[in-house]
Amino acid sequence: MTTRKPRSGEINGKDYFFVTEEKFHELCKAGQMLEYARVFENFYGIPRDFIEQNLSSGISVLLSIDWQGAFHLFKLMRKKVVSVFILPPSMEELRLRLQKRNSNSADEIERRLAEAQKEISKRDKYDYVIINDDIDKSVEEISSILNKERLKKLKEKPSLEDL
C-alpha cells in the first residue's frame, strides 16, 4: 500500500493499493499494517489482512520492500518469509533505470542511488540474492526459489507415519 501517485500503467490492487495519506494513517492507527515506513516523501506499508488472507489460503505473496521492512517481517513471521534481495547489474544500470522512469529529478536519483548503496550492504542477511540483468531470467529465478521453498515446507510437514 502506498500514498504515492500511480505511475503510468500501474493498476490499483495489482501493483499497489493506492490510498490517500489520511486513509493510510487511519489504517496504521487501527493496527491494520504489518509494517510501514516513509520512503522518499511517500508512505508504504503492508496491509495485515491482505497478507493473512493469502497465506491462510496457501497463496504466496511477493512484496517489494526495503531492508527495514524485510527485517521487521523476519521478526514477525520468520518461518513464513523467504527473502530475495534483487541487485541491479551495476549502479550505472540502476541510474539509467531511474532516469528512464522520467519521474525523478536529478537530486532524487542521487538520493535513491545513495540509499541503494545502503540497502545493498544488507544483502547478506537475505536467504537468496539474484542479479536483475534480464527481467525474464529474474522472474524465472524467483519462481524457482519459490518452488524450492514450497517443496521444503512440504517435506517438513509430518506424514501419517509420523503420527
N, C-alpha and C. Protein backbone atom coordinates (compact mmCIF):
# COMPACT_ATOMS: atom_id res chain seq x y z
N MET A 1 0.86 -1.16 0.00
CA MET A 1 0.00 0.00 0.00
C MET A 1 0.91 1.23 0.00
N THR A 2 0.48 2.25 -0.71
CA THR A 2 1.30 3.46 -0.77
C THR A 2 0.45 4.70 -0.93
N THR A 3 1.04 5.81 -0.51
CA THR A 3 0.38 7.11 -0.69
C THR A 3 0.87 7.80 -1.95
N ARG A 4 1.84 7.21 -2.65
CA ARG A 4 2.33 7.87 -3.86
C ARG A 4 1.31 7.72 -4.98
N LYS A 5 1.44 8.58 -5.95
CA LYS A 5 0.57 8.54 -7.12
C LYS A 5 0.97 7.36 -8.01
N PRO A 6 0.01 6.70 -8.65
CA PRO A 6 0.36 5.60 -9.56
C PRO A 6 1.19 6.09 -10.75
N ARG A 7 2.16 5.28 -11.14
CA ARG A 7 2.92 5.58 -12.35
C ARG A 7 2.11 5.08 -13.54
N SER A 8 2.48 5.51 -14.70
CA SER A 8 1.80 5.11 -15.92
C SER A 8 1.76 3.58 -16.03
N GLY A 9 0.58 3.04 -16.23
CA GLY A 9 0.41 1.60 -16.40
C GLY A 9 0.18 0.83 -15.11
N GLU A 10 0.39 1.44 -13.95
CA GLU A 10 0.17 0.74 -12.69
C GLU A 10 -1.32 0.62 -12.41
N ILE A 11 -1.70 -0.50 -11.82
CA ILE A 11 -3.10 -0.79 -11.54
C ILE A 11 -3.30 -0.93 -10.04
N ASN A 12 -4.28 -0.18 -9.51
CA ASN A 12 -4.62 -0.26 -8.09
C ASN A 12 -5.09 -1.68 -7.77
N GLY A 13 -4.51 -2.25 -6.70
CA GLY A 13 -4.86 -3.60 -6.30
C GLY A 13 -3.98 -4.67 -6.92
N LYS A 14 -3.21 -4.30 -7.93
CA LYS A 14 -2.29 -5.25 -8.56
C LYS A 14 -0.85 -4.84 -8.26
N ASP A 15 -0.48 -3.65 -8.70
CA ASP A 15 0.88 -3.16 -8.45
C ASP A 15 1.03 -2.69 -7.01
N TYR A 16 0.07 -1.96 -6.55
CA TYR A 16 -0.01 -1.45 -5.18
C TYR A 16 -1.48 -1.21 -4.87
N PHE A 17 -1.74 -0.97 -3.60
CA PHE A 17 -3.02 -0.40 -3.20
C PHE A 17 -2.71 1.08 -3.00
N PHE A 18 -3.26 1.94 -3.83
CA PHE A 18 -3.00 3.38 -3.76
C PHE A 18 -4.07 4.02 -2.88
N VAL A 19 -3.63 4.72 -1.83
CA VAL A 19 -4.57 5.37 -0.91
C VAL A 19 -4.08 6.78 -0.59
N THR A 20 -4.98 7.57 -0.02
CA THR A 20 -4.60 8.91 0.43
C THR A 20 -3.76 8.79 1.69
N GLU A 21 -3.04 9.85 2.00
CA GLU A 21 -2.24 9.86 3.22
C GLU A 21 -3.15 9.73 4.45
N GLU A 22 -4.30 10.37 4.40
CA GLU A 22 -5.26 10.30 5.52
C GLU A 22 -5.70 8.85 5.76
N LYS A 23 -6.07 8.14 4.70
CA LYS A 23 -6.51 6.75 4.82
C LYS A 23 -5.37 5.87 5.32
N PHE A 24 -4.17 6.12 4.83
CA PHE A 24 -3.00 5.35 5.25
C PHE A 24 -2.80 5.47 6.76
N HIS A 25 -2.86 6.70 7.27
CA HIS A 25 -2.65 6.92 8.71
C HIS A 25 -3.77 6.29 9.54
N GLU A 26 -4.99 6.32 9.01
CA GLU A 26 -6.11 5.66 9.71
C GLU A 26 -5.84 4.17 9.86
N LEU A 27 -5.38 3.54 8.79
CA LEU A 27 -5.09 2.11 8.82
C LEU A 27 -3.96 1.79 9.79
N CYS A 28 -2.95 2.64 9.83
CA CYS A 28 -1.83 2.44 10.76
C CYS A 28 -2.31 2.53 12.20
N LYS A 29 -3.09 3.56 12.50
CA LYS A 29 -3.61 3.74 13.87
C LYS A 29 -4.49 2.58 14.29
N ALA A 30 -5.20 1.98 13.34
CA ALA A 30 -6.10 0.86 13.64
C ALA A 30 -5.35 -0.48 13.71
N GLY A 31 -4.02 -0.46 13.54
CA GLY A 31 -3.23 -1.68 13.61
C GLY A 31 -3.39 -2.58 12.39
N GLN A 32 -3.80 -2.00 11.27
CA GLN A 32 -4.05 -2.78 10.06
C GLN A 32 -2.82 -2.96 9.17
N MET A 33 -1.67 -2.47 9.61
CA MET A 33 -0.44 -2.61 8.82
C MET A 33 0.55 -3.51 9.57
N LEU A 34 1.10 -4.49 8.87
CA LEU A 34 2.15 -5.31 9.46
C LEU A 34 3.43 -4.49 9.62
N GLU A 35 3.64 -3.62 8.65
CA GLU A 35 4.87 -2.83 8.61
C GLU A 35 4.59 -1.62 7.74
N TYR A 36 5.21 -0.50 8.09
CA TYR A 36 5.07 0.70 7.25
C TYR A 36 6.24 1.63 7.50
N ALA A 37 6.51 2.47 6.50
CA ALA A 37 7.61 3.43 6.61
C ALA A 37 7.40 4.54 5.60
N ARG A 38 8.06 5.65 5.87
CA ARG A 38 8.10 6.75 4.91
C ARG A 38 9.35 6.55 4.07
N VAL A 39 9.17 6.53 2.76
CA VAL A 39 10.28 6.32 1.84
C VAL A 39 10.18 7.35 0.73
N PHE A 40 11.18 8.20 0.60
CA PHE A 40 11.22 9.21 -0.45
C PHE A 40 9.92 9.99 -0.55
N GLU A 41 9.52 10.59 0.54
CA GLU A 41 8.36 11.50 0.58
C GLU A 41 7.00 10.82 0.52
N ASN A 42 6.95 9.51 0.46
CA ASN A 42 5.67 8.80 0.43
C ASN A 42 5.66 7.72 1.50
N PHE A 43 4.48 7.28 1.88
CA PHE A 43 4.35 6.19 2.84
C PHE A 43 4.07 4.90 2.09
N TYR A 44 4.68 3.82 2.59
CA TYR A 44 4.48 2.48 2.06
C TYR A 44 4.20 1.56 3.23
N GLY A 45 3.32 0.60 3.04
CA GLY A 45 3.03 -0.33 4.11
C GLY A 45 2.46 -1.63 3.60
N ILE A 46 2.40 -2.61 4.50
CA ILE A 46 1.90 -3.93 4.16
C ILE A 46 0.60 -4.16 4.93
N PRO A 47 -0.53 -4.23 4.22
CA PRO A 47 -1.81 -4.45 4.89
C PRO A 47 -1.89 -5.85 5.52
N ARG A 48 -2.13 -5.88 6.80
CA ARG A 48 -2.19 -7.13 7.57
C ARG A 48 -3.21 -8.11 6.99
N ASP A 49 -4.44 -7.66 6.76
CA ASP A 49 -5.50 -8.56 6.27
C ASP A 49 -5.13 -9.21 4.94
N PHE A 50 -4.57 -8.44 4.03
CA PHE A 50 -4.20 -8.96 2.72
C PHE A 50 -3.21 -10.12 2.85
N ILE A 51 -2.20 -9.93 3.68
CA ILE A 51 -1.17 -10.97 3.87
C ILE A 51 -1.78 -12.19 4.55
N GLU A 52 -2.49 -11.98 5.64
CA GLU A 52 -3.04 -13.10 6.40
C GLU A 52 -4.04 -13.91 5.58
N GLN A 53 -4.89 -13.24 4.81
CA GLN A 53 -5.88 -13.95 3.98
C GLN A 53 -5.19 -14.81 2.93
N ASN A 54 -4.20 -14.25 2.26
CA ASN A 54 -3.50 -15.00 1.22
C ASN A 54 -2.71 -16.17 1.80
N LEU A 55 -1.98 -15.94 2.87
CA LEU A 55 -1.18 -17.01 3.45
C LEU A 55 -2.06 -18.14 3.97
N SER A 56 -3.18 -17.80 4.61
CA SER A 56 -4.07 -18.84 5.12
C SER A 56 -4.73 -19.63 3.99
N SER A 57 -4.78 -19.05 2.80
CA SER A 57 -5.33 -19.74 1.63
C SER A 57 -4.25 -20.50 0.85
N GLY A 58 -3.01 -20.46 1.35
CA GLY A 58 -1.92 -21.16 0.68
C GLY A 58 -1.34 -20.41 -0.51
N ILE A 59 -1.63 -19.12 -0.59
CA ILE A 59 -1.15 -18.31 -1.70
C ILE A 59 0.12 -17.57 -1.29
N SER A 60 1.16 -17.69 -2.10
CA SER A 60 2.40 -16.95 -1.84
C SER A 60 2.18 -15.48 -2.14
N VAL A 61 2.79 -14.63 -1.35
CA VAL A 61 2.69 -13.18 -1.53
C VAL A 61 4.08 -12.64 -1.80
N LEU A 62 4.23 -11.92 -2.90
CA LEU A 62 5.51 -11.29 -3.23
C LEU A 62 5.44 -9.83 -2.83
N LEU A 63 6.42 -9.38 -2.08
CA LEU A 63 6.47 -7.99 -1.64
C LEU A 63 7.75 -7.34 -2.11
N SER A 64 7.65 -6.12 -2.54
CA SER A 64 8.82 -5.33 -2.89
C SER A 64 8.99 -4.30 -1.78
N ILE A 65 9.89 -4.60 -0.84
CA ILE A 65 10.06 -3.73 0.33
C ILE A 65 11.53 -3.48 0.60
N ASP A 66 11.81 -2.43 1.37
CA ASP A 66 13.19 -2.12 1.70
C ASP A 66 13.69 -3.06 2.80
N TRP A 67 14.97 -2.97 3.10
CA TRP A 67 15.57 -3.89 4.07
C TRP A 67 14.96 -3.74 5.45
N GLN A 68 14.58 -2.52 5.84
CA GLN A 68 13.99 -2.34 7.16
C GLN A 68 12.66 -3.07 7.27
N GLY A 69 11.85 -2.97 6.22
CA GLY A 69 10.58 -3.69 6.19
C GLY A 69 10.79 -5.19 6.20
N ALA A 70 11.77 -5.65 5.43
CA ALA A 70 12.06 -7.08 5.38
C ALA A 70 12.48 -7.59 6.75
N PHE A 71 13.36 -6.86 7.43
CA PHE A 71 13.83 -7.30 8.74
C PHE A 71 12.70 -7.29 9.76
N HIS A 72 11.79 -6.34 9.64
CA HIS A 72 10.63 -6.31 10.53
C HIS A 72 9.77 -7.56 10.31
N LEU A 73 9.56 -7.93 9.06
CA LEU A 73 8.78 -9.14 8.77
C LEU A 73 9.50 -10.39 9.25
N PHE A 74 10.83 -10.41 9.18
CA PHE A 74 11.59 -11.56 9.71
C PHE A 74 11.24 -11.75 11.18
N LYS A 75 11.17 -10.67 11.93
CA LYS A 75 10.86 -10.75 13.36
C LYS A 75 9.44 -11.24 13.59
N LEU A 76 8.51 -10.78 12.78
CA LEU A 76 7.10 -11.13 12.96
C LEU A 76 6.76 -12.56 12.54
N MET A 77 7.33 -12.99 11.43
CA MET A 77 6.91 -14.27 10.85
C MET A 77 8.04 -14.95 10.09
N ARG A 78 9.17 -15.14 10.73
CA ARG A 78 10.37 -15.64 10.05
C ARG A 78 10.14 -16.95 9.31
N LYS A 79 9.39 -17.87 9.90
CA LYS A 79 9.21 -19.18 9.26
C LYS A 79 8.37 -19.10 7.99
N LYS A 80 7.62 -18.02 7.83
CA LYS A 80 6.77 -17.87 6.64
C LYS A 80 7.41 -16.99 5.58
N VAL A 81 8.57 -16.42 5.88
CA VAL A 81 9.20 -15.45 4.97
C VAL A 81 10.38 -16.09 4.25
N VAL A 82 10.39 -15.95 2.94
CA VAL A 82 11.56 -16.29 2.12
C VAL A 82 12.01 -14.97 1.51
N SER A 83 13.23 -14.59 1.80
CA SER A 83 13.69 -13.27 1.35
C SER A 83 14.63 -13.40 0.16
N VAL A 84 14.40 -12.53 -0.81
CA VAL A 84 15.22 -12.49 -2.02
C VAL A 84 15.66 -11.05 -2.22
N PHE A 85 16.95 -10.82 -2.22
CA PHE A 85 17.47 -9.48 -2.49
C PHE A 85 17.76 -9.40 -3.98
N ILE A 86 17.18 -8.41 -4.63
CA ILE A 86 17.35 -8.26 -6.07
C ILE A 86 18.32 -7.11 -6.34
N LEU A 87 19.47 -7.47 -6.89
CA LEU A 87 20.51 -6.50 -7.21
C LEU A 87 20.38 -6.00 -8.64
N PRO A 88 20.72 -4.74 -8.87
CA PRO A 88 20.87 -4.30 -10.26
C PRO A 88 22.19 -4.85 -10.80
N PRO A 89 22.34 -4.94 -12.11
CA PRO A 89 23.61 -5.42 -12.66
C PRO A 89 24.79 -4.53 -12.26
N SER A 90 24.52 -3.23 -12.11
CA SER A 90 25.54 -2.27 -11.71
C SER A 90 24.83 -1.01 -11.22
N MET A 91 25.57 -0.15 -10.55
CA MET A 91 24.98 1.11 -10.10
C MET A 91 24.68 2.01 -11.30
N GLU A 92 25.50 1.91 -12.33
CA GLU A 92 25.23 2.72 -13.53
C GLU A 92 23.93 2.28 -14.19
N GLU A 93 23.69 0.98 -14.24
CA GLU A 93 22.43 0.49 -14.82
C GLU A 93 21.24 0.94 -13.96
N LEU A 94 21.41 0.93 -12.65
CA LEU A 94 20.34 1.42 -11.78
C LEU A 94 20.06 2.90 -12.06
N ARG A 95 21.11 3.67 -12.23
CA ARG A 95 20.95 5.10 -12.57
C ARG A 95 20.14 5.24 -13.87
N LEU A 96 20.49 4.46 -14.88
CA LEU A 96 19.78 4.53 -16.17
C LEU A 96 18.31 4.15 -16.02
N ARG A 97 18.04 3.13 -15.21
CA ARG A 97 16.65 2.71 -15.00
C ARG A 97 15.84 3.79 -14.30
N LEU A 98 16.45 4.44 -13.33
CA LEU A 98 15.76 5.53 -12.62
C LEU A 98 15.51 6.70 -13.57
N GLN A 99 16.48 6.99 -14.42
CA GLN A 99 16.31 8.09 -15.38
C GLN A 99 15.21 7.78 -16.39
N LYS A 100 15.09 6.52 -16.80
CA LYS A 100 14.07 6.13 -17.78
C LYS A 100 12.66 6.32 -17.26
N ARG A 101 12.49 6.30 -15.95
CA ARG A 101 11.15 6.50 -15.37
C ARG A 101 10.60 7.89 -15.68
N ASN A 102 11.50 8.83 -15.88
CA ASN A 102 11.11 10.23 -16.13
C ASN A 102 10.23 10.80 -15.02
N SER A 103 10.36 10.27 -13.82
CA SER A 103 9.55 10.79 -12.72
C SER A 103 10.43 11.24 -11.55
N ASN A 104 11.75 11.18 -11.75
CA ASN A 104 12.68 11.54 -10.69
C ASN A 104 13.58 12.68 -11.13
N SER A 105 13.75 13.66 -10.25
CA SER A 105 14.70 14.74 -10.52
C SER A 105 16.12 14.19 -10.36
N ALA A 106 17.09 14.94 -10.83
CA ALA A 106 18.49 14.52 -10.69
C ALA A 106 18.87 14.35 -9.22
N ASP A 107 18.40 15.27 -8.37
CA ASP A 107 18.68 15.15 -6.93
C ASP A 107 18.05 13.90 -6.34
N GLU A 108 16.82 13.61 -6.76
CA GLU A 108 16.14 12.43 -6.24
C GLU A 108 16.85 11.15 -6.69
N ILE A 109 17.33 11.14 -7.91
CA ILE A 109 18.07 9.98 -8.40
C ILE A 109 19.33 9.77 -7.56
N GLU A 110 20.03 10.84 -7.25
CA GLU A 110 21.23 10.72 -6.41
C GLU A 110 20.89 10.21 -5.02
N ARG A 111 19.78 10.69 -4.45
CA ARG A 111 19.33 10.20 -3.14
C ARG A 111 19.00 8.72 -3.20
N ARG A 112 18.33 8.32 -4.26
CA ARG A 112 17.95 6.91 -4.41
C ARG A 112 19.19 6.02 -4.60
N LEU A 113 20.17 6.49 -5.32
CA LEU A 113 21.40 5.72 -5.51
C LEU A 113 22.16 5.57 -4.20
N ALA A 114 22.20 6.64 -3.41
CA ALA A 114 22.86 6.56 -2.10
C ALA A 114 22.12 5.57 -1.20
N GLU A 115 20.80 5.62 -1.23
CA GLU A 115 20.00 4.68 -0.43
C GLU A 115 20.21 3.25 -0.92
N ALA A 116 20.32 3.07 -2.22
CA ALA A 116 20.55 1.74 -2.79
C ALA A 116 21.87 1.14 -2.27
N GLN A 117 22.89 1.98 -2.15
CA GLN A 117 24.18 1.50 -1.61
C GLN A 117 24.00 0.96 -0.20
N LYS A 118 23.21 1.67 0.62
CA LYS A 118 22.95 1.20 1.99
C LYS A 118 22.20 -0.12 1.96
N GLU A 119 21.19 -0.20 1.10
CA GLU A 119 20.40 -1.43 1.00
C GLU A 119 21.28 -2.61 0.57
N ILE A 120 22.12 -2.37 -0.43
CA ILE A 120 22.97 -3.44 -0.95
C ILE A 120 23.89 -3.99 0.14
N SER A 121 24.30 -3.15 1.07
CA SER A 121 25.18 -3.61 2.15
C SER A 121 24.48 -4.61 3.07
N LYS A 122 23.16 -4.74 2.99
CA LYS A 122 22.39 -5.66 3.84
C LYS A 122 22.07 -6.98 3.13
N ARG A 123 22.51 -7.14 1.90
CA ARG A 123 22.10 -8.29 1.09
C ARG A 123 22.47 -9.64 1.70
N ASP A 124 23.54 -9.68 2.49
CA ASP A 124 23.96 -10.96 3.07
C ASP A 124 23.00 -11.47 4.15
N LYS A 125 22.05 -10.67 4.55
CA LYS A 125 21.06 -11.07 5.56
C LYS A 125 19.86 -11.77 4.92
N TYR A 126 19.80 -11.80 3.61
CA TYR A 126 18.68 -12.39 2.88
C TYR A 126 18.94 -13.86 2.57
N ASP A 127 17.88 -14.61 2.33
CA ASP A 127 18.01 -16.03 2.01
C ASP A 127 18.64 -16.24 0.64
N TYR A 128 18.28 -15.39 -0.31
CA TYR A 128 18.76 -15.51 -1.69
C TYR A 128 19.11 -14.12 -2.23
N VAL A 129 20.05 -14.09 -3.17
CA VAL A 129 20.41 -12.85 -3.87
C VAL A 129 20.43 -13.17 -5.36
N ILE A 130 19.74 -12.34 -6.14
CA ILE A 130 19.79 -12.50 -7.59
C ILE A 130 20.16 -11.16 -8.22
N ILE A 131 20.71 -11.24 -9.42
CA ILE A 131 21.05 -10.02 -10.17
C ILE A 131 20.02 -9.87 -11.29
N ASN A 132 19.33 -8.75 -11.28
CA ASN A 132 18.28 -8.49 -12.26
C ASN A 132 18.87 -7.81 -13.51
N ASP A 133 19.52 -8.63 -14.34
CA ASP A 133 20.03 -8.07 -15.59
C ASP A 133 19.10 -8.40 -16.76
N ASP A 134 18.23 -9.37 -16.58
CA ASP A 134 17.24 -9.74 -17.60
C ASP A 134 15.95 -10.08 -16.85
N ILE A 135 14.89 -9.33 -17.12
CA ILE A 135 13.65 -9.47 -16.34
C ILE A 135 13.08 -10.88 -16.43
N ASP A 136 13.08 -11.48 -17.61
CA ASP A 136 12.52 -12.84 -17.76
C ASP A 136 13.33 -13.85 -16.96
N LYS A 137 14.64 -13.72 -17.01
CA LYS A 137 15.52 -14.63 -16.25
C LYS A 137 15.30 -14.43 -14.75
N SER A 138 15.14 -13.19 -14.32
CA SER A 138 14.93 -12.90 -12.90
C SER A 138 13.61 -13.48 -12.41
N VAL A 139 12.56 -13.34 -13.21
CA VAL A 139 11.25 -13.92 -12.86
C VAL A 139 11.38 -15.43 -12.74
N GLU A 140 12.10 -16.04 -13.66
CA GLU A 140 12.31 -17.49 -13.64
C GLU A 140 13.07 -17.90 -12.37
N GLU A 141 14.10 -17.14 -12.00
CA GLU A 141 14.87 -17.44 -10.79
C GLU A 141 14.00 -17.35 -9.54
N ILE A 142 13.19 -16.30 -9.46
CA ILE A 142 12.32 -16.14 -8.29
C ILE A 142 11.29 -17.26 -8.24
N SER A 143 10.75 -17.63 -9.38
CA SER A 143 9.80 -18.74 -9.44
C SER A 143 10.45 -20.04 -8.96
N SER A 144 11.68 -20.28 -9.38
CA SER A 144 12.41 -21.48 -8.95
C SER A 144 12.64 -21.47 -7.44
N ILE A 145 12.98 -20.30 -6.91
CA ILE A 145 13.20 -20.17 -5.47
C ILE A 145 11.90 -20.49 -4.72
N LEU A 146 10.79 -19.92 -5.17
CA LEU A 146 9.51 -20.18 -4.51
C LEU A 146 9.14 -21.65 -4.56
N ASN A 147 9.33 -22.29 -5.72
CA ASN A 147 9.04 -23.72 -5.84
C ASN A 147 9.92 -24.54 -4.90
N LYS A 148 11.20 -24.22 -4.85
CA LYS A 148 12.13 -24.92 -3.96
C LYS A 148 11.68 -24.78 -2.51
N GLU A 149 11.29 -23.57 -2.11
CA GLU A 149 10.88 -23.33 -0.73
C GLU A 149 9.55 -24.04 -0.41
N ARG A 150 8.64 -24.09 -1.37
CA ARG A 150 7.38 -24.82 -1.16
C ARG A 150 7.66 -26.30 -0.93
N LEU A 151 8.56 -26.86 -1.73
CA LEU A 151 8.92 -28.27 -1.56
C LEU A 151 9.55 -28.52 -0.20
N LYS A 152 10.38 -27.60 0.25
CA LYS A 152 10.99 -27.73 1.58
C LYS A 152 9.92 -27.78 2.66
N LYS A 153 8.93 -26.90 2.54
CA LYS A 153 7.85 -26.84 3.53
C LYS A 153 7.04 -28.14 3.52
N LEU A 154 6.78 -28.68 2.33
CA LEU A 154 6.04 -29.94 2.24
C LEU A 154 6.80 -31.07 2.93
N LYS A 155 8.11 -31.08 2.76
CA LYS A 155 8.93 -32.12 3.39
C LYS A 155 8.95 -31.98 4.90
N GLU A 156 8.77 -30.76 5.40
CA GLU A 156 8.78 -30.52 6.85
C GLU A 156 7.49 -30.97 7.52
N LYS A 157 6.39 -31.05 6.76
CA LYS A 157 5.11 -31.45 7.34
C LYS A 157 5.17 -32.92 7.73
N PRO A 158 4.60 -33.26 8.88
CA PRO A 158 4.63 -34.66 9.29
C PRO A 158 3.75 -35.52 8.38
N SER A 159 4.19 -36.72 8.13
CA SER A 159 3.40 -37.66 7.34
C SER A 159 2.53 -38.48 8.28
N LEU A 160 1.64 -39.29 7.72
CA LEU A 160 0.78 -40.14 8.55
C LEU A 160 1.61 -41.10 9.40
N GLU A 161 2.74 -41.55 8.85
CA GLU A 161 3.60 -42.47 9.60
C GLU A 161 4.19 -41.81 10.84
N ASP A 162 4.33 -40.48 10.82
CA ASP A 162 4.91 -39.76 11.96
C ASP A 162 3.91 -39.57 13.08
N LEU A 163 2.62 -39.79 12.82
CA LEU A 163 1.58 -39.54 13.83
C LEU A 163 1.42 -40.68 14.79
